[in-house]
PDB file of N, CA and C in Angstrom:
ATOM      1  N   UNK A   1      -5.015 -19.251  -6.259  1.00  0.00           N
ATOM      2  CA  UNK A   1      -5.392 -18.444  -5.122  1.00  0.00           C
ATOM      3  C   UNK A   1      -6.888 -18.132  -5.181  1.00  0.00           C
ATOM      4  N   UNK A   2      -7.453 -17.927  -4.030  1.00  0.00           N
ATOM      5  CA  UNK A   2      -8.876 -17.596  -3.966  1.00  0.00           C
ATOM      6  C   UNK A   2      -9.108 -16.158  -4.430  1.00  0.00           C
ATOM      7  N   UNK A   3     -10.329 -15.894  -4.847  1.00  0.00           N
ATOM      8  CA  UNK A   3     -10.646 -14.536  -5.291  1.00  0.00           C
ATOM      9  C   UNK A   3     -10.601 -13.563  -4.120  1.00  0.00           C
ATOM     10  N   UNK A   4     -10.893 -14.042  -2.910  1.00  0.00           N
ATOM     11  CA  UNK A   4     -10.817 -13.177  -1.730  1.00  0.00           C
ATOM     12  C   UNK A   4      -9.376 -12.754  -1.458  1.00  0.00           C
ATOM     13  N   UNK A   5      -8.444 -13.684  -1.633  1.00  0.00           N
ATOM     14  CA  UNK A   5      -7.032 -13.359  -1.432  1.00  0.00           C
ATOM     15  C   UNK A   5      -6.575 -12.361  -2.492  1.00  0.00           C
ATOM     16  N   UNK A   6      -7.013 -12.568  -3.735  1.00  0.00           N
ATOM     17  CA  UNK A   6      -6.666 -11.637  -4.808  1.00  0.00           C
ATOM     18  C   UNK A   6      -7.221 -10.244  -4.511  1.00  0.00           C
ATOM     19  N   UNK A   7      -8.471 -10.176  -4.067  1.00  0.00           N
ATOM     20  CA  UNK A   7      -9.072  -8.884  -3.720  1.00  0.00           C
ATOM     21  C   UNK A   7      -8.310  -8.206  -2.590  1.00  0.00           C
ATOM     22  N   UNK A   8      -7.879  -8.982  -1.604  1.00  0.00           N
ATOM     23  CA  UNK A   8      -7.116  -8.428  -0.485  1.00  0.00           C
ATOM     24  C   UNK A   8      -5.781  -7.863  -0.958  1.00  0.00           C
ATOM     25  N   UNK A   9      -5.081  -8.595  -1.813  1.00  0.00           N
ATOM     26  CA  UNK A   9      -3.783  -8.130  -2.304  1.00  0.00           C
ATOM     27  C   UNK A   9      -3.936  -6.851  -3.131  1.00  0.00           C
ATOM     28  N   UNK A  10      -4.964  -6.795  -3.962  1.00  0.00           N
ATOM     29  CA  UNK A  10      -5.192  -5.596  -4.774  1.00  0.00           C
ATOM     30  C   UNK A  10      -5.541  -4.407  -3.881  1.00  0.00           C
ATOM     31  N   UNK A  11      -6.339  -4.638  -2.842  1.00  0.00           N
ATOM     32  CA  UNK A  11      -6.707  -3.552  -1.926  1.00  0.00           C
ATOM     33  C   UNK A  11      -5.485  -3.039  -1.164  1.00  0.00           C
ATOM     34  N   UNK A  12      -4.631  -3.941  -0.701  1.00  0.00           N
ATOM     35  CA  UNK A  12      -3.402  -3.523  -0.010  1.00  0.00           C
ATOM     36  C   UNK A  12      -2.511  -2.751  -0.971  1.00  0.00           C
ATOM     37  N   UNK A  13      -2.397  -3.227  -2.203  1.00  0.00           N
ATOM     38  CA  UNK A  13      -1.582  -2.538  -3.208  1.00  0.00           C
ATOM     39  C   UNK A  13      -2.136  -1.140  -3.490  1.00  0.00           C
ATOM     40  N   UNK A  14      -3.443  -1.032  -3.646  1.00  0.00           N
ATOM     41  CA  UNK A  14      -4.075   0.249  -3.953  1.00  0.00           C
ATOM     42  C   UNK A  14      -3.879   1.244  -2.812  1.00  0.00           C
ATOM     43  N   UNK A  15      -4.098   0.800  -1.595  1.00  0.00           N
ATOM     44  CA  UNK A  15      -3.936   1.696  -0.446  1.00  0.00           C
ATOM     45  C   UNK A  15      -2.474   2.060  -0.213  1.00  0.00           C
ATOM     46  N   UNK A  16      -1.574   1.112  -0.434  1.00  0.00           N
ATOM     47  CA  UNK A  16      -0.146   1.400  -0.266  1.00  0.00           C
ATOM     48  C   UNK A  16       0.338   2.401  -1.301  1.00  0.00           C
ATOM     49  N   UNK A  17      -0.147   2.259  -2.526  1.00  0.00           N
ATOM     50  CA  UNK A  17       0.257   3.182  -3.586  1.00  0.00           C
ATOM     51  C   UNK A  17      -0.260   4.589  -3.323  1.00  0.00           C
ATOM     52  N   UNK A  18      -1.411   4.702  -2.678  1.00  0.00           N
ATOM     53  CA  UNK A  18      -1.988   6.016  -2.402  1.00  0.00           C
ATOM     54  C   UNK A  18      -1.346   6.702  -1.201  1.00  0.00           C
ATOM     55  N   UNK A  19      -0.712   5.931  -0.334  1.00  0.00           N
ATOM     56  CA  UNK A  19      -0.132   6.534   0.869  1.00  0.00           C
ATOM     57  C   UNK A  19       1.267   7.060   0.589  1.00  0.00           C
ATOM     58  N   UNK A  20       1.674   8.043   1.369  1.00  0.00           N
ATOM     59  CA  UNK A  20       2.988   8.643   1.162  1.00  0.00           C
ATOM     60  C   UNK A  20       4.116   7.729   1.632  1.00  0.00           C
ATOM     61  N   UNK A  21       3.870   6.920   2.667  1.00  0.00           N
ATOM     62  CA  UNK A  21       4.923   6.065   3.209  1.00  0.00           C
ATOM     63  C   UNK A  21       4.940   4.667   2.609  1.00  0.00           C
ATOM     64  N   UNK A  22       4.021   4.353   1.714  1.00  0.00           N
ATOM     65  CA  UNK A  22       4.038   3.082   1.007  1.00  0.00           C
ATOM     66  C   UNK A  22       3.507   1.903   1.792  1.00  0.00           C
ATOM     67  N   UNK A  23       2.769   2.143   2.860  1.00  0.00           N
ATOM     68  CA  UNK A  23       2.161   1.059   3.624  1.00  0.00           C
ATOM     69  C   UNK A  23       0.661   1.291   3.721  1.00  0.00           C
ATOM     70  N   UNK A  24      -0.041   0.241   4.021  1.00  0.00           N
ATOM     71  CA  UNK A  24      -1.490   0.266   4.153  1.00  0.00           C
ATOM     72  C   UNK A  24      -1.830   0.104   5.630  1.00  0.00           C
ATOM     73  N   UNK A  25      -2.707   0.943   6.147  1.00  0.00           N
ATOM     74  CA  UNK A  25      -3.067   0.896   7.558  1.00  0.00           C
ATOM     75  C   UNK A  25      -4.551   0.583   7.703  1.00  0.00           C
ATOM     76  N   UNK A  26      -4.862  -0.416   8.531  1.00  0.00           N
ATOM     77  CA  UNK A  26      -6.238  -0.789   8.834  1.00  0.00           C
ATOM     78  C   UNK A  26      -6.467  -0.651  10.327  1.00  0.00           C
ATOM     79  N   UNK A  27      -7.617  -0.131  10.707  1.00  0.00           N
ATOM     80  CA  UNK A  27      -8.008  -0.085  12.104  1.00  0.00           C
ATOM     81  C   UNK A  27      -8.433  -1.488  12.525  1.00  0.00           C
ATOM     82  N   UNK A  28      -8.038  -1.903  13.707  1.00  0.00           N
ATOM     83  CA  UNK A  28      -8.355  -3.235  14.201  1.00  0.00           C
ATOM     84  C   UNK A  28      -9.863  -3.468  14.277  1.00  0.00           C
ATOM     85  N   UNK A  29     -10.625  -2.442  14.610  1.00  0.00           N
ATOM     86  CA  UNK A  29     -12.073  -2.584  14.761  1.00  0.00           C
ATOM     87  C   UNK A  29     -12.746  -2.871  13.420  1.00  0.00           C
ATOM     88  N   UNK A  30     -12.193  -2.359  12.339  1.00  0.00           N
ATOM     89  CA  UNK A  30     -12.829  -2.518  11.032  1.00  0.00           C
ATOM     90  C   UNK A  30     -12.550  -3.870  10.382  1.00  0.00           C
ATOM     91  N   UNK A  31     -11.740  -4.719  11.001  1.00  0.00           N
ATOM     92  CA  UNK A  31     -11.366  -6.011  10.424  1.00  0.00           C
ATOM     93  C   UNK A  31     -12.332  -7.090  10.903  1.00  0.00           C
ATOM     94  N   UNK A  32     -12.905  -7.834   9.964  1.00  0.00           N
ATOM     95  CA  UNK A  32     -13.783  -8.949  10.319  1.00  0.00           C
ATOM     96  C   UNK A  32     -12.941 -10.191  10.577  1.00  0.00           C
ATOM     97  N   UNK A  33     -13.555 -11.208  11.123  1.00  0.00           N
ATOM     98  CA  UNK A  33     -12.854 -12.461  11.395  1.00  0.00           C
ATOM     99  C   UNK A  33     -12.339 -13.118  10.125  1.00  0.00           C
ATOM    100  N   UNK A  34     -13.130 -13.030   9.050  1.00  0.00           N
ATOM    101  CA  UNK A  34     -12.726 -13.606   7.766  1.00  0.00           C
ATOM    102  C   UNK A  34     -11.500 -12.888   7.203  1.00  0.00           C
ATOM    103  N   UNK A  35     -11.473 -11.563   7.321  1.00  0.00           N
ATOM    104  CA  UNK A  35     -10.309 -10.807   6.851  1.00  0.00           C
ATOM    105  C   UNK A  35      -9.078 -11.116   7.694  1.00  0.00           C
ATOM    106  N   UNK A  36      -9.269 -11.311   8.995  1.00  0.00           N
ATOM    107  CA  UNK A  36      -8.152 -11.656   9.869  1.00  0.00           C
ATOM    108  C   UNK A  36      -7.530 -12.984   9.449  1.00  0.00           C
ATOM    109  N   UNK A  37      -8.372 -13.948   9.088  1.00  0.00           N
ATOM    110  CA  UNK A  37      -7.878 -15.241   8.610  1.00  0.00           C
ATOM    111  C   UNK A  37      -7.088 -15.050   7.316  1.00  0.00           C
ATOM    112  N   UNK A  38      -7.587 -14.190   6.412  1.00  0.00           N
ATOM    113  CA  UNK A  38      -6.870 -13.917   5.161  1.00  0.00           C
ATOM    114  C   UNK A  38      -5.528 -13.243   5.425  1.00  0.00           C
ATOM    115  N   UNK A  39      -5.488 -12.281   6.358  1.00  0.00           N
ATOM    116  CA  UNK A  39      -4.220 -11.632   6.713  1.00  0.00           C
ATOM    117  C   UNK A  39      -3.212 -12.656   7.210  1.00  0.00           C
ATOM    118  N   UNK A  40      -3.656 -13.530   8.111  1.00  0.00           N
ATOM    119  CA  UNK A  40      -2.755 -14.541   8.671  1.00  0.00           C
ATOM    120  C   UNK A  40      -2.276 -15.517   7.603  1.00  0.00           C
ATOM    121  N   UNK A  41      -3.180 -15.904   6.704  1.00  0.00           N
ATOM    122  CA  UNK A  41      -2.817 -16.816   5.620  1.00  0.00           C
ATOM    123  C   UNK A  41      -1.813 -16.170   4.664  1.00  0.00           C
ATOM    124  N   UNK A  42      -2.054 -14.907   4.305  1.00  0.00           N
ATOM    125  CA  UNK A  42      -1.147 -14.196   3.399  1.00  0.00           C
ATOM    126  C   UNK A  42       0.221 -13.995   4.039  1.00  0.00           C
ATOM    127  N   UNK A  43       0.243 -13.736   5.329  1.00  0.00           N
ATOM    128  CA  UNK A  43       1.524 -13.581   6.015  1.00  0.00           C
ATOM    129  C   UNK A  43       2.270 -14.910   6.075  1.00  0.00           C
ATOM    130  N   UNK A  44       1.556 -16.000   6.339  1.00  0.00           N
ATOM    131  CA  UNK A  44       2.187 -17.322   6.395  1.00  0.00           C
ATOM    132  C   UNK A  44       2.762 -17.726   5.041  1.00  0.00           C
ATOM    133  N   UNK A  45       2.117 -17.313   3.958  1.00  0.00           N
ATOM    134  CA  UNK A  45       2.607 -17.619   2.612  1.00  0.00           C
ATOM    135  C   UNK A  45       3.721 -16.680   2.173  1.00  0.00           C
ATOM    136  N   UNK A  46       3.955 -15.611   2.928  1.00  0.00           N
ATOM    137  CA  UNK A  46       5.018 -14.670   2.584  1.00  0.00           C
ATOM    138  C   UNK A  46       4.609 -13.598   1.597  1.00  0.00           C
ATOM    139  N   UNK A  47       3.303 -13.353   1.450  1.00  0.00           N
ATOM    140  CA  UNK A  47       2.818 -12.357   0.503  1.00  0.00           C
ATOM    141  C   UNK A  47       2.802 -10.947   1.077  1.00  0.00           C
ATOM    142  N   UNK A  48       2.636 -10.812   2.396  1.00  0.00           N
ATOM    143  CA  UNK A  48       2.544  -9.491   3.009  1.00  0.00           C
ATOM    144  C   UNK A  48       3.428  -9.402   4.242  1.00  0.00           C
ATOM    145  N   UNK A  49       3.831  -8.186   4.550  1.00  0.00           N
ATOM    146  CA  UNK A  49       4.433  -7.863   5.839  1.00  0.00           C
ATOM    147  C   UNK A  49       3.292  -7.378   6.712  1.00  0.00           C
ATOM    148  N   UNK A  50       3.153  -7.958   7.881  1.00  0.00           N
ATOM    149  CA  UNK A  50       2.012  -7.706   8.756  1.00  0.00           C
ATOM    150  C   UNK A  50       2.543  -7.302  10.119  1.00  0.00           C
ATOM    151  N   UNK A  51       2.172  -6.109  10.565  1.00  0.00           N
ATOM    152  CA  UNK A  51       2.655  -5.606  11.845  1.00  0.00           C
ATOM    153  C   UNK A  51       1.481  -5.019  12.620  1.00  0.00           C
ATOM    154  N   UNK A  52       1.426  -5.306  13.902  1.00  0.00           N
ATOM    155  CA  UNK A  52       0.370  -4.770  14.759  1.00  0.00           C
ATOM    156  C   UNK A  52       0.953  -3.652  15.602  1.00  0.00           C
ATOM    157  N   UNK A  53       0.319  -2.496  15.567  1.00  0.00           N
ATOM    158  CA  UNK A  53       0.733  -1.351  16.386  1.00  0.00           C
ATOM    159  C   UNK A  53      -0.368  -1.060  17.391  1.00  0.00           C
ATOM    160  N   UNK A  54       0.030  -0.657  18.576  1.00  0.00           N
ATOM    161  CA  UNK A  54      -0.971  -0.335  19.594  1.00  0.00           C
ATOM    162  C   UNK A  54      -0.550   0.859  20.437  1.00  0.00           C
ATOM    163  N   UNK A  55       0.074   1.847  19.806  1.00  0.00           N
ATOM    164  CA  UNK A  55       0.547   2.997  20.569  1.00  0.00           C
ATOM    165  C   UNK A  55      -0.589   3.938  20.972  1.00  0.00           C
ATOM    166  N   UNK A  56      -1.520   4.246  20.084  1.00  0.00           N
ATOM    167  CA  UNK A  56      -2.660   5.087  20.455  1.00  0.00           C
ATOM    168  C   UNK A  56      -3.980   4.440  20.052  1.00  0.00           C
ATOM    169  N   UNK A  57      -3.932   3.198  19.707  1.00  0.00           N
ATOM    170  CA  UNK A  57      -5.086   2.416  19.285  1.00  0.00           C
ATOM    171  C   UNK A  57      -4.570   1.209  18.536  1.00  0.00           C
ATOM    172  N   UNK A  58      -5.350   0.170  18.479  1.00  0.00           N
ATOM    173  CA  UNK A  58      -4.909  -1.028  17.772  1.00  0.00           C
ATOM    174  C   UNK A  58      -5.146  -0.863  16.277  1.00  0.00           C
ATOM    175  N   UNK A  59      -4.086  -1.036  15.508  1.00  0.00           N
ATOM    176  CA  UNK A  59      -4.211  -0.980  14.059  1.00  0.00           C
ATOM    177  C   UNK A  59      -3.138  -1.848  13.422  1.00  0.00           C
ATOM    178  N   UNK A  60      -3.377  -2.230  12.174  1.00  0.00           N
ATOM    179  CA  UNK A  60      -2.476  -3.096  11.421  1.00  0.00           C
ATOM    180  C   UNK A  60      -1.774  -2.286  10.346  1.00  0.00           C
ATOM    181  N   UNK A  61      -0.494  -2.548  10.181  1.00  0.00           N
ATOM    182  CA  UNK A  61       0.281  -1.938   9.106  1.00  0.00           C
ATOM    183  C   UNK A  61       0.671  -3.065   8.154  1.00  0.00           C
ATOM    184  N   UNK A  62       0.267  -2.942   6.900  1.00  0.00           N
ATOM    185  CA  UNK A  62       0.478  -3.992   5.906  1.00  0.00           C
ATOM    186  C   UNK A  62       1.219  -3.443   4.695  1.00  0.00           C
ATOM    187  N   UNK A  63       2.052  -4.278   4.120  1.00  0.00           N
ATOM    188  CA  UNK A  63       2.688  -3.959   2.844  1.00  0.00           C
ATOM    189  C   UNK A  63       2.951  -5.265   2.106  1.00  0.00           C
ATOM    190  N   UNK A  64       3.005  -5.185   0.804  1.00  0.00           N
ATOM    191  CA  UNK A  64       3.247  -6.373  -0.011  1.00  0.00           C
ATOM    192  C   UNK A  64       4.734  -6.681  -0.077  1.00  0.00           C
ATOM    193  N   UNK A  65       5.059  -7.944  -0.079  1.00  0.00           N
ATOM    194  CA  UNK A  65       6.443  -8.376  -0.262  1.00  0.00           C
ATOM    195  C   UNK A  65       6.698  -8.547  -1.762  1.00  0.00           C
ATOM    196  N   UNK A  66       7.955  -8.637  -2.170  1.00  0.00           N
ATOM    197  CA  UNK A  66       8.227  -8.913  -3.589  1.00  0.00           C
ATOM    198  C   UNK A  66       7.568 -10.211  -4.066  1.00  0.00           C
ATOM    199  N   UNK A  67       7.513 -11.213  -3.197  1.00  0.00           N
ATOM    200  CA  UNK A  67       6.847 -12.473  -3.560  1.00  0.00           C
ATOM    201  C   UNK A  67       5.357 -12.239  -3.809  1.00  0.00           C
ATOM    202  N   UNK A  68       4.716 -11.441  -2.961  1.00  0.00           N
ATOM    203  CA  UNK A  68       3.296 -11.136  -3.143  1.00  0.00           C
ATOM    204  C   UNK A  68       3.037 -10.360  -4.420  1.00  0.00           C
ATOM    205  N   UNK A  69       3.933  -9.416  -4.735  1.00  0.00           N
ATOM    206  CA  UNK A  69       3.774  -8.643  -5.972  1.00  0.00           C
ATOM    207  C   UNK A  69       3.893  -9.536  -7.201  1.00  0.00           C
ATOM    208  N   UNK A  70       4.875 -10.426  -7.198  1.00  0.00           N
ATOM    209  CA  UNK A  70       5.064 -11.275  -8.373  1.00  0.00           C
ATOM    210  C   UNK A  70       3.956 -12.318  -8.495  1.00  0.00           C
ATOM    211  N   UNK A  71       3.484 -12.850  -7.380  1.00  0.00           N
ATOM    212  CA  UNK A  71       2.428 -13.863  -7.412  1.00  0.00           C
ATOM    213  C   UNK A  71       1.113 -13.304  -7.955  1.00  0.00           C
ATOM    214  N   UNK A  72       0.820 -12.054  -7.646  1.00  0.00           N
ATOM    215  CA  UNK A  72      -0.440 -11.446  -8.064  1.00  0.00           C
ATOM    216  C   UNK A  72      -0.261 -10.430  -9.191  1.00  0.00           C
ATOM    217  N   UNK A  73       0.929 -10.391  -9.795  1.00  0.00           N
ATOM    218  CA  UNK A  73       1.230  -9.510 -10.931  1.00  0.00           C
ATOM    219  C   UNK A  73       0.919  -8.046 -10.636  1.00  0.00           C
ATOM    220  N   UNK A  74       1.387  -7.567  -9.503  1.00  0.00           N
ATOM    221  CA  UNK A  74       1.191  -6.173  -9.113  1.00  0.00           C
ATOM    222  C   UNK A  74       2.515  -5.433  -9.251  1.00  0.00           C
ATOM    223  N   UNK A  75       2.517  -4.268  -9.886  1.00  0.00           N
ATOM    224  CA  UNK A  75       3.778  -3.557 -10.128  1.00  0.00           C
ATOM    225  C   UNK A  75       4.315  -2.894  -8.868  1.00  0.00           C
ATOM    226  N   UNK A  76       5.601  -2.670  -8.864  1.00  0.00           N
ATOM    227  CA  UNK A  76       6.235  -1.892  -7.799  1.00  0.00           C
ATOM    228  C   UNK A  76       5.880  -0.430  -8.022  1.00  0.00           C
ATOM    229  N   UNK A  77       5.485   0.239  -6.973  1.00  0.00           N
ATOM    230  CA  UNK A  77       5.091   1.642  -7.085  1.00  0.00           C
ATOM    231  C   UNK A  77       6.320   2.502  -6.864  1.00  0.00           C
ATOM    232  N   UNK A  78       6.651   3.294  -7.865  1.00  0.00           N
ATOM    233  CA  UNK A  78       7.788   4.215  -7.756  1.00  0.00           C
ATOM    234  C   UNK A  78       7.267   5.562  -7.293  1.00  0.00           C
ATOM    235  N   UNK A  79       7.817   6.060  -6.219  1.00  0.00           N
ATOM    236  CA  UNK A  79       7.379   7.339  -5.675  1.00  0.00           C
ATOM    237  C   UNK A  79       8.472   8.369  -5.814  1.00  0.00           C
ATOM    238  N   UNK A  80       8.044   9.592  -6.033  1.00  0.00           N
ATOM    239  CA  UNK A  80       8.988  10.701  -5.982  1.00  0.00           C
ATOM    240  C   UNK A  80       9.271  11.006  -4.519  1.00  0.00           C
ATOM    241  N   UNK A  81      10.417  11.554  -4.275  1.00  0.00           N
ATOM    242  CA  UNK A  81      10.693  12.020  -2.923  1.00  0.00           C
ATOM    243  C   UNK A  81       9.810  13.232  -2.631  1.00  0.00           C
ATOM    244  N   UNK A  82       9.711  13.597  -1.380  1.00  0.00           N
ATOM    245  CA  UNK A  82       8.901  14.754  -1.016  1.00  0.00           C
ATOM    246  C   UNK A  82       9.421  16.001  -1.706  1.00  0.00           C
ATOM    247  N   UNK A  83      10.749  16.154  -1.750  1.00  0.00           N
ATOM    248  CA  UNK A  83      11.322  17.349  -2.384  1.00  0.00           C
ATOM    249  C   UNK A  83      11.067  17.360  -3.880  1.00  0.00           C
ATOM    250  N   UNK A  84      11.141  16.202  -4.515  1.00  0.00           N
ATOM    251  CA  UNK A  84      10.831  16.130  -5.936  1.00  0.00           C
ATOM    252  C   UNK A  84       9.388  16.494  -6.227  1.00  0.00           C
ATOM    253  N   UNK A  85       8.491  16.048  -5.358  1.00  0.00           N
ATOM    254  CA  UNK A  85       7.084  16.386  -5.507  1.00  0.00           C
ATOM    255  C   UNK A  85       6.863  17.882  -5.305  1.00  0.00           C
ATOM    256  N   UNK A  86       7.511  18.447  -4.282  1.00  0.00           N
ATOM    257  CA  UNK A  86       7.339  19.861  -3.972  1.00  0.00           C
ATOM    258  C   UNK A  86       7.895  20.747  -5.083  1.00  0.00           C
ATOM    259  N   UNK A  87       9.061  20.405  -5.602  1.00  0.00           N
ATOM    260  CA  UNK A  87       9.649  21.182  -6.694  1.00  0.00           C
ATOM    261  C   UNK A  87       8.768  21.098  -7.937  1.00  0.00           C
ATOM    262  N   UNK A  88       8.233  19.918  -8.221  1.00  0.00           N
ATOM    263  CA  UNK A  88       7.322  19.781  -9.354  1.00  0.00           C
ATOM    264  C   UNK A  88       6.046  20.568  -9.177  1.00  0.00           C
ATOM    265  N   UNK A  89       5.629  20.719  -7.937  1.00  0.00           N
ATOM    266  CA  UNK A  89       4.406  21.457  -7.654  1.00  0.00           C
ATOM    267  C   UNK A  89       4.572  22.952  -7.876  1.00  0.00           C
ATOM    268  N   UNK A  90       5.716  23.502  -7.497  1.00  0.00           N
ATOM    269  CA  UNK A  90       5.920  24.949  -7.594  1.00  0.00           C
ATOM    270  C   UNK A  90       6.720  25.363  -8.821  1.00  0.00           C
ATOM    271  N   UNK A  91       7.097  24.429  -9.639  1.00  0.00           N
ATOM    272  CA  UNK A  91       7.877  24.737 -10.830  1.00  0.00           C
ATOM    273  C   UNK A  91       7.059  25.590 -11.795  1.00  0.00           C
ATOM    274  N   UNK A  92       7.628  26.714 -12.283  1.00  0.00           N
ATOM    275  CA  UNK A  92       6.863  27.568 -13.198  1.00  0.00           C
ATOM    276  C   UNK A  92       6.575  26.889 -14.531  1.00  0.00           C
ATOM    277  N   UNK A  93       7.375  25.936 -14.929  1.00  0.00           N
ATOM    278  CA  UNK A  93       7.136  25.252 -16.194  1.00  0.00           C
ATOM    279  C   UNK A  93       5.892  24.394 -16.185  1.00  0.00           C
ATOM    280  N   UNK A  94       5.399  24.118 -15.012  1.00  0.00           N
ATOM    281  CA  UNK A  94       4.210  23.290 -14.914  1.00  0.00           C
ATOM    282  C   UNK A  94       2.961  24.041 -15.364  1.00  0.00           C
ATOM    283  N   UNK A  95       2.911  25.337 -15.089  1.00  0.00           N
ATOM    284  CA  UNK A  95       1.705  26.099 -15.362  1.00  0.00           C
ATOM    285  C   UNK A  95       1.793  26.995 -16.588  1.00  0.00           C
ATOM    286  N   UNK A  96       2.966  27.314 -17.016  1.00  0.00           N
ATOM    287  CA  UNK A  96       3.123  28.245 -18.127  1.00  0.00           C
ATOM    288  C   UNK A  96       3.562  27.512 -19.378  1.00  0.00           C
ATOM    289  N   UNK A  97       2.998  27.908 -20.469  1.00  0.00           N
ATOM    290  CA  UNK A  97       3.379  27.348 -21.758  1.00  0.00           C
ATOM    291  C   UNK A  97       4.385  28.298 -22.385  1.00  0.00           C
ATOM    292  N   UNK A  98       5.490  27.761 -22.827  1.00  0.00           N
ATOM    293  CA  UNK A  98       6.511  28.604 -23.454  1.00  0.00           C
ATOM    294  C   UNK A  98       6.050  28.994 -24.850  1.00  0.00           C
ATOM    295  N   UNK A  99       6.061  30.275 -25.116  1.00  0.00           N
ATOM    296  CA  UNK A  99       5.698  30.772 -26.444  1.00  0.00           C
ATOM    297  C   UNK A  99       6.950  30.843 -27.300  1.00  0.00           C
ATOM    298  N   UNK A 100       6.841  30.460 -28.543  1.00  0.00           N
ATOM    299  CA  UNK A 100       8.014  30.470 -29.422  1.00  0.00           C
ATOM    300  C   UNK A 100       7.958  31.619 -30.364  1.00  0.00           C
TER     301      UNK A 100
END
């Protein structure tokens, strides 16, 4: 694979891992012609799920497929549920040290 394709997969993985819903969103205006070709190539190879939304503006929703993760050696991101995150945030054991 080209280094540009590898960089694209890592960027999608990084943005997807940082988002709460596990997908990466790009604004249509911020995409260059070269990146558009890479998106189309990655989708044709089965590395990414590529969806175009145009409800309040044109933007792309991208996520890696299992094939894309295995091809580029990217791990599956395990997320806590919202409730698990919230309980961990307000749990008293998080901030207090138990004295013995």
